[in-house]
Amino acid sequence: MVDTPPARSSDSPRLGHRWLLVFPFVWQACLAPAVNDIAARPFGMPFPMFWQMAGIVLTSVVIAIVFRLDARAGVETEEADFLDRSLKAEDAGKNDKDGAA
């Protein structure tokens, strides 16, 4: 028996803010080649090294923002409900196997 996920209701959390997680990828993967030829040396470091370090800080900030927005949207409650349903379904499957053996 396949447990289908419940249909998305109007009170389901909105997760559009997760698109913010694209910015660190674009920063590191797409824009890094563009900064290779910059001769500036902030804090005495080559600019590409500074760029990568700034990308690490940006990534941390973006992940923290998404985490807070997820908590505000009630994602933790939704995940806890999903885990409860999964564990119950797994226990029911084990009981069915034990009864058939």
Protein backbone atom coordinates (compact mmCIF):
# COMPACT_ATOMS: atom_id res chain seq x y z
CA MET A 1 0.00 0.00 0.00
CA VAL A 2 1.47 3.31 -1.07
CA ASP A 3 0.88 6.23 1.25
CA THR A 4 0.21 9.24 -0.93
CA PRO A 5 1.05 12.64 0.49
CA PRO A 6 -1.90 14.78 1.44
CA ALA A 7 -3.02 17.38 -1.06
CA ARG A 8 -1.55 20.80 -0.44
CA SER A 9 -4.09 22.86 1.43
CA SER A 10 -4.38 26.60 1.53
CA ASP A 11 -2.85 26.68 5.02
CA SER A 12 0.33 24.81 3.94
CA PRO A 13 3.51 26.81 4.43
CA ARG A 14 4.74 28.91 1.56
CA LEU A 15 8.31 28.02 0.73
CA GLY A 16 9.16 30.52 -1.99
CA HIS A 17 11.89 31.93 0.23
CA ARG A 18 13.95 28.81 -0.43
CA TRP A 19 14.87 30.33 -3.79
CA LEU A 20 17.28 32.47 -1.76
CA LEU A 21 19.51 29.39 -1.64
CA VAL A 22 20.29 29.94 -5.32
CA PHE A 23 22.30 33.10 -4.57
CA PRO A 24 25.28 31.36 -2.93
CA PHE A 25 25.48 28.92 -5.84
CA VAL A 26 25.45 31.75 -8.37
CA TRP A 27 28.02 33.63 -6.28
CA GLN A 28 30.46 30.70 -6.12
CA ALA A 29 29.92 28.86 -9.39
CA CYS A 30 28.89 31.50 -11.89
CA LEU A 31 30.53 34.73 -10.76
CA ALA A 32 33.88 33.36 -9.54
CA PRO A 33 35.37 33.18 -13.07
CA ALA A 34 34.46 36.83 -13.59
CA VAL A 35 36.58 37.95 -10.63
CA ASN A 36 39.76 36.02 -11.53
CA ASP A 37 41.37 38.97 -13.31
CA ILE A 38 40.66 41.65 -10.69
CA ALA A 39 43.95 42.98 -9.36
CA ALA A 40 42.63 44.53 -6.12
CA ARG A 41 44.06 43.06 -2.90
CA PRO A 42 41.61 43.62 -0.02
CA PHE A 43 43.23 42.85 3.35
CA GLY A 44 46.39 41.87 1.44
CA MET A 45 44.71 38.81 -0.12
CA PRO A 46 44.27 38.10 -3.82
CA PHE A 47 40.79 39.22 -4.84
CA PRO A 48 39.54 35.73 -5.85
CA MET A 49 40.45 34.43 -2.37
CA PHE A 50 38.60 37.35 -0.77
CA TRP A 51 35.64 36.65 -3.08
CA GLN A 52 35.47 33.01 -1.97
CA MET A 53 35.67 33.96 1.71
CA ALA A 54 32.93 36.55 1.25
CA GLY A 55 30.88 33.82 -0.46
CA ILE A 56 31.22 31.62 2.63
CA VAL A 57 29.89 34.45 4.81
CA LEU A 58 27.06 35.12 2.31
CA THR A 59 26.13 31.43 2.29
CA SER A 60 25.97 31.30 6.08
CA VAL A 61 23.76 34.38 6.21
CA VAL A 62 21.41 33.08 3.52
CA ILE A 63 21.07 29.67 5.20
CA ALA A 64 20.29 31.39 8.53
CA ILE A 65 17.62 33.54 6.87
CA VAL A 66 16.02 30.52 5.18
CA PHE A 67 16.10 28.61 8.47
CA ARG A 68 14.28 31.46 10.25
CA LEU A 69 11.72 31.81 7.46
CA ASP A 70 11.13 28.03 7.49
CA ALA A 71 10.52 28.15 11.24
CA ARG A 72 8.10 31.05 10.80
CA ALA A 73 6.27 29.13 8.05
CA GLY A 74 5.80 26.12 10.35
CA VAL A 75 7.98 23.71 8.39
CA GLU A 76 9.23 22.05 11.59
CA THR A 77 5.69 21.07 12.58
CA GLU A 78 5.00 19.74 9.10
CA GLU A 79 8.22 17.69 9.15
CA ALA A 80 7.40 16.26 12.61
CA ASP A 81 3.96 15.19 11.36
CA PHE A 82 5.53 13.56 8.30
CA LEU A 83 8.04 11.65 10.46
CA ASP A 84 5.25 10.45 12.76
CA ARG A 85 3.24 9.16 9.79
CA SER A 86 6.35 7.50 8.32
CA LEU A 87 7.20 5.73 11.57
CA LYS A 88 3.62 4.51 11.98
CA ALA A 89 3.59 3.19 8.42
CA GLU A 90 6.95 1.47 8.97
CA ASP A 91 5.71 -0.13 12.20
CA ALA A 92 2.53 -1.29 10.44
CA GLY A 93 4.66 -2.82 7.66
CA LYS A 94 6.77 -4.71 10.19
CA ASN A 95 3.66 -6.00 11.94
CA ASP A 96 2.23 -7.21 8.62
CA LYS A 97 5.47 -9.13 7.87
CA ASP A 98 5.49 -10.66 11.35
CA GLY A 99 1.89 -11.82 10.93
CA ALA A 100 2.59 -13.37 7.51
CA ALA A 101 5.63 -15.33 8.71
